[in-house]
Amino acid sequence: MPARRLIVLLCAATGANTVSIGAFPALLPELGASAGLADWQLGAVAGAFGFARMLADVPVGLFITYHLARALWLAPLAVLSGALLVGSADGFGVLLLGRVLMGAGHTLATLAALTAVLRYRAGPGLASALAAVELSAMIGVLSGAGLVALLPGAVPWNAALLITCAPVLLTLALLPALLRALPRAETAGARPLFARSAGASAEASAPASARGLPSLALLGGAAGAAIALSYATVEQFVIPVRGSREFGLDRAGIARLLMLGQVVDVLALLPLGALADRRGLPPVLGGVLLVFAAAVALVAFGSLPLMAVGCALFGFSMAGWTLPLGILRMVTPPAQVAWRTALYRVAVDGGMCLGPLVSGILTARHTGVLPGVLVLALAATGFALLVRRRATAG
């Protein structure tokens, strides 16, 4: 029961923290127009969020090993500070700084939530617990896109962004209960500021069944990086930019496309997590990656109706966002969960940064290059996971 209460509180806080993430892509074209940004600057502003997350992952992971409670406090404060900077910015530099602060805050929140789940909810129901947290995040993202679609067009983009950041205040209100739900070791005692492992030897606590699986760990990491790069490219750049420039969609039209994928994601998350618990993480993740490859191809190269189909498949694929983390937990001792999760998140957030940045650089002359590479990478990793599963079964 205490573990379930902790998961429920983490889900509520995670959902509140992600509303602004869902709102930002639909506001990106207006932000660029009002600030007079070139394509590469637009890509840099979108990518700064992921870049900050990537840089913060390792130090935050080392910090969270012993200071999970403090990370939960710092996260909403950083997000709100960054949002205020972005909302009041009138220049490229301040926009970048604000997005960096928001990214750092979300890194604190994400790593803290994932570490808590991986550390205290490991076992047969891990995939479902991770899916529940991701479900709350996607409800937040969907709420952000929906709120932007409902706001009158006369509301300036910066005011709309600040409105969608207001739910972060709910996180602050939930913090006392969340901190009480943490185990006592997380809230008391003198501990080092940064550490890779908590307490005794991590090797002694590693599950015997997980040893000797380096290839599975590498495939899990590669899958996470490919999903992140594809997600950032499609949602943060291809859908809003292609939708506005090629199909003439306004803010509400872009938001509706984003919401289509998010609704499918929300509907598929818990069933996909339960399927992974029953059938195993590698084969389910392999199948998800193949669907993701088809989704990227349709969104990047299809007509508007095909792009809508691609958005739906994109949403289904994003329901597998947490499956690589389950694979990571299979090969990680509990004492090193925060550190290993941080290393994994470096690859993930690197993809979050590079997706829109590289898209902004290539869009003028080589629009289809990055999506084409992503289709191949997703398909290759998916096939590798399915082949490895068959080889193991045989």
Protein backbone atom coordinates (compact mmCIF):
# COMPACT_ATOMS: atom_id res chain seq x y z
CA MET A 1 0.00 0.00 0.00
CA PRO A 2 2.78 2.58 0.77
CA ALA A 3 4.40 1.84 -2.60
CA ARG A 4 1.04 2.27 -4.36
CA ARG A 5 0.46 5.61 -2.62
CA LEU A 6 3.91 6.77 -3.70
CA ILE A 7 3.18 5.83 -7.33
CA VAL A 8 -0.16 7.69 -7.26
CA LEU A 9 1.48 10.85 -5.92
CA LEU A 10 4.33 10.61 -8.44
CA CYS A 11 1.77 10.24 -11.22
CA ALA A 12 -0.09 13.37 -10.11
CA ALA A 13 3.10 15.42 -9.87
CA THR A 14 4.38 14.13 -13.21
CA GLY A 15 1.15 15.04 -14.97
CA ALA A 16 1.22 18.57 -13.57
CA ASN A 17 4.85 19.02 -14.64
CA THR A 18 4.28 18.05 -18.28
CA VAL A 19 1.38 20.32 -19.29
CA SER A 20 3.76 22.97 -20.63
CA ILE A 21 5.61 20.35 -22.73
CA GLY A 22 2.42 19.62 -24.62
CA ALA A 23 1.71 23.30 -25.20
CA PHE A 24 5.11 24.40 -26.50
CA PRO A 25 5.18 22.77 -30.00
CA ALA A 26 1.90 24.40 -31.05
CA LEU A 27 3.24 27.79 -29.92
CA LEU A 28 6.60 27.39 -31.66
CA PRO A 29 5.66 29.01 -35.03
CA GLU A 30 4.24 32.09 -33.25
CA LEU A 31 7.26 32.33 -30.97
CA GLY A 32 9.58 32.28 -33.98
CA ALA A 33 7.55 34.88 -35.87
CA SER A 34 7.29 37.30 -32.93
CA ALA A 35 11.00 37.05 -32.12
CA GLY A 36 12.09 37.10 -35.77
CA LEU A 37 14.03 33.83 -35.47
CA ALA A 38 15.72 32.08 -38.38
CA ASP A 39 15.08 28.35 -38.87
CA TRP A 40 18.32 27.39 -37.12
CA GLN A 41 17.46 29.64 -34.18
CA LEU A 42 13.96 28.16 -34.03
CA GLY A 43 15.48 24.68 -33.94
CA ALA A 44 17.95 25.80 -31.26
CA VAL A 45 15.18 27.15 -29.03
CA ALA A 46 13.19 23.93 -29.41
CA GLY A 47 16.32 21.84 -28.86
CA ALA A 48 17.63 23.82 -25.88
CA PHE A 49 15.15 22.01 -23.65
CA GLY A 50 16.63 18.62 -24.52
CA PHE A 51 20.19 19.98 -24.49
CA ALA A 52 19.77 21.21 -20.92
CA ARG A 53 18.32 17.85 -19.91
CA MET A 54 21.25 16.05 -21.49
CA LEU A 55 23.84 18.19 -19.67
CA ALA A 56 21.99 17.91 -16.35
CA ASP A 57 21.37 14.15 -16.45
CA VAL A 58 24.64 12.90 -14.95
CA PRO A 59 25.00 15.45 -12.14
CA VAL A 60 21.31 15.14 -11.32
CA GLY A 61 21.58 11.34 -11.26
CA LEU A 62 24.55 11.52 -8.89
CA PHE A 63 22.63 14.01 -6.75
CA ILE A 64 19.42 11.95 -6.62
CA THR A 65 21.22 8.85 -5.33
CA TYR A 66 20.96 10.32 -1.82
CA HIS A 67 18.83 13.46 -2.33
CA LEU A 68 15.64 12.37 -4.04
CA ALA A 69 13.50 14.58 -1.77
CA ARG A 70 15.53 17.71 -2.51
CA ALA A 71 15.30 17.05 -6.24
CA LEU A 72 11.51 16.90 -5.98
CA TRP A 73 11.54 20.35 -4.36
CA LEU A 74 13.96 21.96 -6.82
CA ALA A 75 12.24 20.67 -9.97
CA PRO A 76 9.05 22.81 -10.01
CA LEU A 77 10.96 25.92 -8.95
CA ALA A 78 13.32 25.58 -11.93
CA VAL A 79 10.44 24.95 -14.36
CA LEU A 80 8.53 28.02 -13.18
CA SER A 81 11.64 30.22 -13.31
CA GLY A 82 12.36 29.13 -16.87
CA ALA A 83 8.77 29.67 -17.97
CA LEU A 84 8.81 33.22 -16.64
CA LEU A 85 11.99 33.93 -18.60
CA VAL A 86 10.58 32.49 -21.85
CA GLY A 87 7.29 34.31 -21.40
CA SER A 88 8.98 37.67 -20.88
CA ALA A 89 11.74 37.21 -23.47
CA ASP A 90 12.18 39.44 -26.49
CA GLY A 91 15.47 38.04 -27.74
CA PHE A 92 17.09 34.79 -28.80
CA GLY A 93 19.49 34.58 -25.84
CA VAL A 94 16.84 34.97 -23.15
CA LEU A 95 14.60 32.44 -24.88
CA LEU A 96 17.47 29.95 -24.85
CA LEU A 97 18.17 30.57 -21.16
CA GLY A 98 14.53 30.12 -20.24
CA ARG A 99 14.25 26.86 -22.16
CA VAL A 100 17.47 25.64 -20.51
CA LEU A 101 16.03 26.30 -17.05
CA MET A 102 12.80 24.52 -17.97
CA GLY A 103 14.80 21.58 -19.27
CA ALA A 104 16.88 21.36 -16.09
CA GLY A 105 13.73 21.44 -13.98
CA HIS A 106 12.13 18.67 -15.99
CA THR A 107 15.31 16.60 -15.66
CA LEU A 108 15.09 16.85 -11.89
CA ALA A 109 11.42 15.88 -11.94
CA THR A 110 11.78 13.05 -14.46
CA LEU A 111 14.84 11.41 -12.92
CA ALA A 112 13.39 11.71 -9.43
CA ALA A 113 10.13 10.03 -10.46
CA LEU A 114 11.83 7.30 -12.48
CA THR A 115 14.35 6.57 -9.74
CA ALA A 116 11.58 6.24 -7.17
CA VAL A 117 9.64 3.81 -9.37
CA LEU A 118 12.66 1.74 -10.39
CA ARG A 119 14.00 1.58 -6.86
CA TYR A 120 10.79 0.86 -4.93
CA ARG A 121 8.50 -0.84 -7.46
CA ALA A 122 10.85 -3.32 -9.17
CA GLY A 123 9.35 -6.73 -9.80
CA PRO A 124 6.73 -8.38 -12.03
CA GLY A 125 4.61 -5.22 -12.19
CA LEU A 126 7.44 -2.83 -13.08
CA ALA A 127 6.35 -2.24 -16.68
CA SER A 128 2.81 -1.40 -15.55
CA ALA A 129 4.09 0.99 -12.85
CA LEU A 130 6.31 2.76 -15.39
CA ALA A 131 3.39 2.88 -17.81
CA ALA A 132 1.21 4.49 -15.13
CA VAL A 133 3.75 7.27 -14.60
CA GLU A 134 4.11 7.74 -18.34
CA LEU A 135 0.30 7.78 -18.65
CA SER A 136 0.15 10.68 -16.20
CA ALA A 137 2.85 12.47 -18.18
CA MET A 138 0.93 12.02 -21.41
CA ILE A 139 -2.30 13.22 -19.82
CA GLY A 140 -0.36 16.34 -18.88
CA VAL A 141 1.02 16.70 -22.41
CA LEU A 142 -2.43 16.14 -23.90
CA SER A 143 -3.90 18.72 -21.52
CA GLY A 144 -1.29 21.25 -22.62
CA ALA A 145 -2.06 20.78 -26.31
CA GLY A 146 -5.80 20.83 -25.61
CA LEU A 147 -5.55 23.99 -23.55
CA VAL A 148 -3.68 25.75 -26.35
CA ALA A 149 -6.33 24.65 -28.84
CA LEU A 150 -9.11 26.01 -26.61
CA LEU A 151 -7.52 29.38 -25.84
CA PRO A 152 -8.72 32.20 -28.11
CA GLY A 153 -6.34 33.05 -30.92
CA ALA A 154 -6.09 36.58 -29.56
CA VAL A 155 -4.20 35.31 -26.49
CA PRO A 156 -0.47 35.95 -27.14
CA TRP A 157 1.80 32.93 -27.30
CA ASN A 158 3.74 33.94 -24.18
CA ALA A 159 0.57 34.36 -22.13
CA ALA A 160 -0.64 30.96 -23.39
CA LEU A 161 2.66 29.39 -22.33
CA LEU A 162 2.46 30.84 -18.83
CA ILE A 163 -1.13 29.63 -18.47
CA THR A 164 -0.06 26.09 -19.36
CA CYS A 165 2.78 26.26 -16.81
CA ALA A 166 0.38 27.09 -13.97
CA PRO A 167 -0.29 23.38 -13.11
CA VAL A 168 3.30 23.16 -11.85
CA LEU A 169 1.94 24.94 -8.77
CA LEU A 170 -0.03 21.73 -8.07
CA THR A 171 3.29 19.89 -7.77
CA LEU A 172 4.34 22.29 -5.04
CA ALA A 173 1.08 21.63 -3.23
CA LEU A 174 1.60 17.84 -3.47
CA LEU A 175 5.18 17.89 -2.22
CA PRO A 176 4.49 17.52 1.55
CA ALA A 177 2.43 14.36 0.98
CA LEU A 178 4.93 13.05 -1.56
CA LEU A 179 7.85 13.51 0.81
CA ARG A 180 5.96 11.71 3.58
CA ALA A 181 5.43 8.77 1.21
CA LEU A 182 9.16 8.38 0.58
CA PRO A 183 11.04 5.81 2.69
CA ARG A 184 12.70 7.28 5.77
CA ALA A 185 16.19 6.85 4.31
CA GLU A 186 15.31 9.37 1.61
CA THR A 187 14.41 12.15 4.02
CA ALA A 188 16.90 11.91 6.90
CA GLY A 189 20.61 11.57 7.69
CA ALA A 190 23.85 13.09 6.46
CA ARG A 191 24.84 11.84 3.01
CA PRO A 192 27.29 12.83 0.26
CA LEU A 193 26.02 15.41 -2.20
CA PHE A 194 26.89 13.27 -5.24
CA ALA A 195 27.24 9.47 -5.37
CA ARG A 196 27.01 6.65 -7.90
CA SER A 197 25.80 3.97 -5.50
CA ALA A 198 23.72 4.04 -2.36
CA GLY A 199 25.12 2.05 0.56
CA ALA A 200 26.69 -1.37 0.23
CA SER A 201 28.23 -3.03 -2.77
CA ALA A 202 26.02 -2.73 -5.80
CA GLU A 203 27.43 -5.83 -7.44
CA ALA A 204 26.23 -7.99 -4.54
CA SER A 205 22.67 -6.85 -5.10
CA ALA A 206 22.59 -7.38 -8.83
CA PRO A 207 20.09 -10.04 -9.82
CA ALA A 208 21.82 -13.20 -11.00
CA SER A 209 19.51 -13.49 -14.00
CA ALA A 210 20.61 -10.05 -15.18
CA ARG A 211 24.35 -10.71 -15.31
CA GLY A 212 25.90 -11.40 -18.67
CA LEU A 213 23.36 -9.43 -20.71
CA PRO A 214 25.45 -6.55 -22.12
CA SER A 215 23.94 -6.85 -25.60
CA LEU A 216 20.42 -6.49 -24.19
CA ALA A 217 21.48 -3.40 -22.25
CA LEU A 218 23.01 -1.89 -25.39
CA LEU A 219 19.88 -2.60 -27.42
CA GLY A 220 17.74 -1.05 -24.68
CA GLY A 221 19.90 2.07 -24.67
CA ALA A 222 19.87 2.28 -28.48
CA ALA A 223 16.08 1.90 -28.50
CA GLY A 224 15.68 4.70 -25.95
CA ALA A 225 17.93 7.03 -27.93
CA ALA A 226 16.15 6.27 -31.22
CA ILE A 227 12.72 6.81 -29.66
CA ALA A 228 13.81 10.12 -28.12
CA LEU A 229 15.40 11.43 -31.31
CA SER A 230 12.34 10.44 -33.34
CA TYR A 231 9.92 11.90 -30.80
CA ALA A 232 11.71 15.25 -30.67
CA THR A 233 12.05 15.44 -34.44
CA VAL A 234 8.42 14.60 -35.14
CA GLU A 235 6.61 16.44 -32.32
CA GLN A 236 8.91 19.39 -31.74
CA PHE A 237 9.63 20.22 -35.39
CA VAL A 238 8.15 18.14 -38.24
CA ILE A 239 4.49 18.30 -37.20
CA PRO A 240 4.35 22.03 -36.31
CA VAL A 241 6.61 23.26 -39.14
CA ARG A 242 5.29 20.96 -41.89
CA GLY A 243 1.72 21.46 -40.71
CA SER A 244 1.94 25.25 -40.85
CA ARG A 245 4.06 25.62 -44.00
CA GLU A 246 2.88 22.81 -46.26
CA PHE A 247 -0.74 22.37 -45.14
CA GLY A 248 -1.55 25.87 -43.86
CA LEU A 249 -2.65 24.73 -40.40
CA ASP A 250 -3.10 27.31 -37.66
CA ARG A 251 -2.27 26.91 -33.96
CA ALA A 252 -5.44 24.95 -33.26
CA GLY A 253 -4.91 22.65 -36.28
CA ILE A 254 -1.37 21.80 -35.20
CA ALA A 255 -2.55 21.22 -31.65
CA ARG A 256 -5.23 18.82 -32.90
CA LEU A 257 -2.67 16.76 -34.81
CA LEU A 258 -0.50 16.58 -31.70
CA MET A 259 -3.51 15.65 -29.58
CA LEU A 260 -4.40 12.78 -31.92
CA GLY A 261 -1.10 11.09 -31.15
CA GLN A 262 -1.36 11.92 -27.47
CA VAL A 263 -4.86 10.42 -27.16
CA VAL A 264 -3.70 7.17 -28.78
CA ASP A 265 -0.65 7.18 -26.48
CA VAL A 266 -2.86 7.55 -23.39
CA LEU A 267 -5.18 4.73 -24.52
CA ALA A 268 -2.32 2.34 -25.33
CA LEU A 269 -0.01 2.90 -22.36
CA LEU A 270 -1.50 0.63 -19.71
CA PRO A 271 -2.40 -2.25 -22.10
CA LEU A 272 1.10 -2.14 -23.59
CA GLY A 273 2.68 -2.15 -20.12
CA ALA A 274 0.55 -5.14 -19.10
CA LEU A 275 1.48 -6.95 -22.33
CA ALA A 276 5.19 -6.36 -21.62
CA ASP A 277 4.76 -7.75 -18.10
CA ARG A 278 3.21 -10.93 -19.55
CA ARG A 279 5.19 -11.45 -22.76
CA GLY A 280 8.54 -9.90 -21.90
CA LEU A 281 10.03 -6.49 -22.58
CA PRO A 282 12.35 -7.20 -25.59
CA PRO A 283 9.78 -8.61 -28.05
CA VAL A 284 7.14 -6.01 -27.23
CA LEU A 285 9.66 -3.19 -27.58
CA GLY A 286 10.88 -4.64 -30.89
CA GLY A 287 7.36 -4.58 -32.32
CA VAL A 288 6.78 -1.04 -31.07
CA LEU A 289 9.93 0.19 -32.84
CA LEU A 290 8.75 -1.24 -36.16
CA VAL A 291 5.45 0.61 -35.80
CA PHE A 292 7.41 3.76 -34.91
CA ALA A 293 9.42 3.48 -38.15
CA ALA A 294 6.18 3.45 -40.16
CA ALA A 295 4.84 6.42 -38.15
CA VAL A 296 7.90 8.59 -38.83
CA ALA A 297 7.71 7.81 -42.55
CA LEU A 298 4.04 8.80 -42.76
CA VAL A 299 4.41 12.01 -40.73
CA ALA A 300 7.50 13.18 -42.62
CA PHE A 301 6.58 12.21 -46.18
CA GLY A 302 2.81 11.64 -46.37
CA SER A 303 -0.08 13.85 -47.43
CA LEU A 304 -2.20 15.46 -44.72
CA PRO A 305 -4.51 12.41 -44.30
CA LEU A 306 -1.48 10.08 -44.18
CA MET A 307 0.20 12.45 -41.75
CA ALA A 308 -2.84 12.11 -39.48
CA VAL A 309 -2.54 8.30 -39.67
CA GLY A 310 1.15 8.68 -38.87
CA CYS A 311 0.29 10.80 -35.84
CA ALA A 312 -1.96 8.02 -34.54
CA LEU A 313 0.78 5.40 -35.05
CA PHE A 314 3.25 7.83 -33.49
CA GLY A 315 1.06 7.96 -30.39
CA PHE A 316 0.87 4.17 -30.17
CA SER A 317 4.65 3.96 -30.50
CA MET A 318 5.21 6.53 -27.77
CA ALA A 319 3.25 4.26 -25.42
CA GLY A 320 6.43 2.15 -25.44
CA TRP A 321 8.55 5.07 -24.22
CA THR A 322 9.26 3.42 -20.84
CA LEU A 323 9.96 -0.12 -22.10
CA PRO A 324 13.72 0.49 -22.53
CA LEU A 325 13.80 1.56 -18.87
CA GLY A 326 12.35 -1.79 -17.89
CA ILE A 327 15.17 -3.49 -19.81
CA LEU A 328 17.67 -1.22 -18.05
CA ARG A 329 16.27 -2.25 -14.66
CA MET A 330 16.73 -5.92 -15.59
CA VAL A 331 20.50 -5.40 -15.73
CA THR A 332 20.91 -2.82 -12.94
CA PRO A 333 21.35 -3.42 -9.17
CA PRO A 334 19.00 -1.35 -6.97
CA ALA A 335 21.84 0.66 -5.38
CA GLN A 336 22.85 2.08 -8.78
CA VAL A 337 19.41 2.80 -10.22
CA ALA A 338 19.76 6.61 -10.10
CA TRP A 339 23.23 6.58 -11.69
CA ARG A 340 22.39 4.10 -14.47
CA THR A 341 19.10 5.85 -15.20
CA ALA A 342 21.00 9.13 -15.50
CA LEU A 343 23.43 7.62 -18.01
CA TYR A 344 20.50 6.27 -20.01
CA ARG A 345 18.85 9.67 -19.93
CA VAL A 346 21.99 11.27 -21.42
CA ALA A 347 21.35 9.29 -24.60
CA VAL A 348 17.61 10.01 -24.47
CA ASP A 349 17.94 13.74 -23.86
CA GLY A 350 20.73 13.98 -26.40
CA GLY A 351 18.18 12.77 -28.91
CA MET A 352 15.63 15.27 -27.58
CA CYS A 353 18.14 18.05 -28.23
CA LEU A 354 19.49 16.92 -31.59
CA GLY A 355 16.12 16.14 -33.20
CA PRO A 356 14.77 19.70 -33.60
CA LEU A 357 18.25 21.26 -33.86
CA VAL A 358 19.38 19.07 -36.76
CA SER A 359 15.95 19.40 -38.37
CA GLY A 360 16.24 23.19 -38.24
CA ILE A 361 19.67 23.06 -39.88
CA LEU A 362 18.69 20.61 -42.62
CA THR A 363 15.16 21.75 -43.37
CA ALA A 364 16.09 24.30 -46.06
CA ARG A 365 17.81 21.87 -48.47
CA HIS A 366 17.68 18.35 -47.01
CA THR A 367 14.29 18.08 -45.36
CA GLY A 368 13.88 14.32 -45.64
CA VAL A 369 17.39 13.23 -44.60
CA LEU A 370 16.91 13.01 -40.82
CA PRO A 371 13.45 11.36 -40.94
CA GLY A 372 14.81 8.80 -43.42
CA VAL A 373 17.74 7.96 -41.15
CA LEU A 374 15.37 7.63 -38.20
CA VAL A 375 13.11 5.20 -40.07
CA LEU A 376 16.12 2.95 -40.76
CA ALA A 377 17.45 3.20 -37.18
CA LEU A 378 14.08 2.36 -35.61
CA ALA A 379 13.49 -0.57 -37.94
CA ALA A 380 17.00 -1.99 -37.44
CA THR A 381 16.80 -1.80 -33.64
CA GLY A 382 13.32 -3.33 -33.63
CA PHE A 383 14.43 -6.27 -35.79
CA ALA A 384 17.52 -6.76 -33.59
CA LEU A 385 15.36 -7.05 -30.46
CA LEU A 386 13.00 -9.54 -32.12
CA VAL A 387 15.87 -11.63 -33.49
CA ARG A 388 17.61 -11.66 -30.11
CA ARG A 389 14.41 -12.85 -28.46
CA ARG A 390 14.01 -15.70 -30.94
CA ALA A 391 17.68 -16.67 -30.53
CA THR A 392 17.31 -16.71 -26.73
CA ALA A 393 14.10 -18.74 -26.91
CA GLY A 394 15.75 -21.20 -29.23
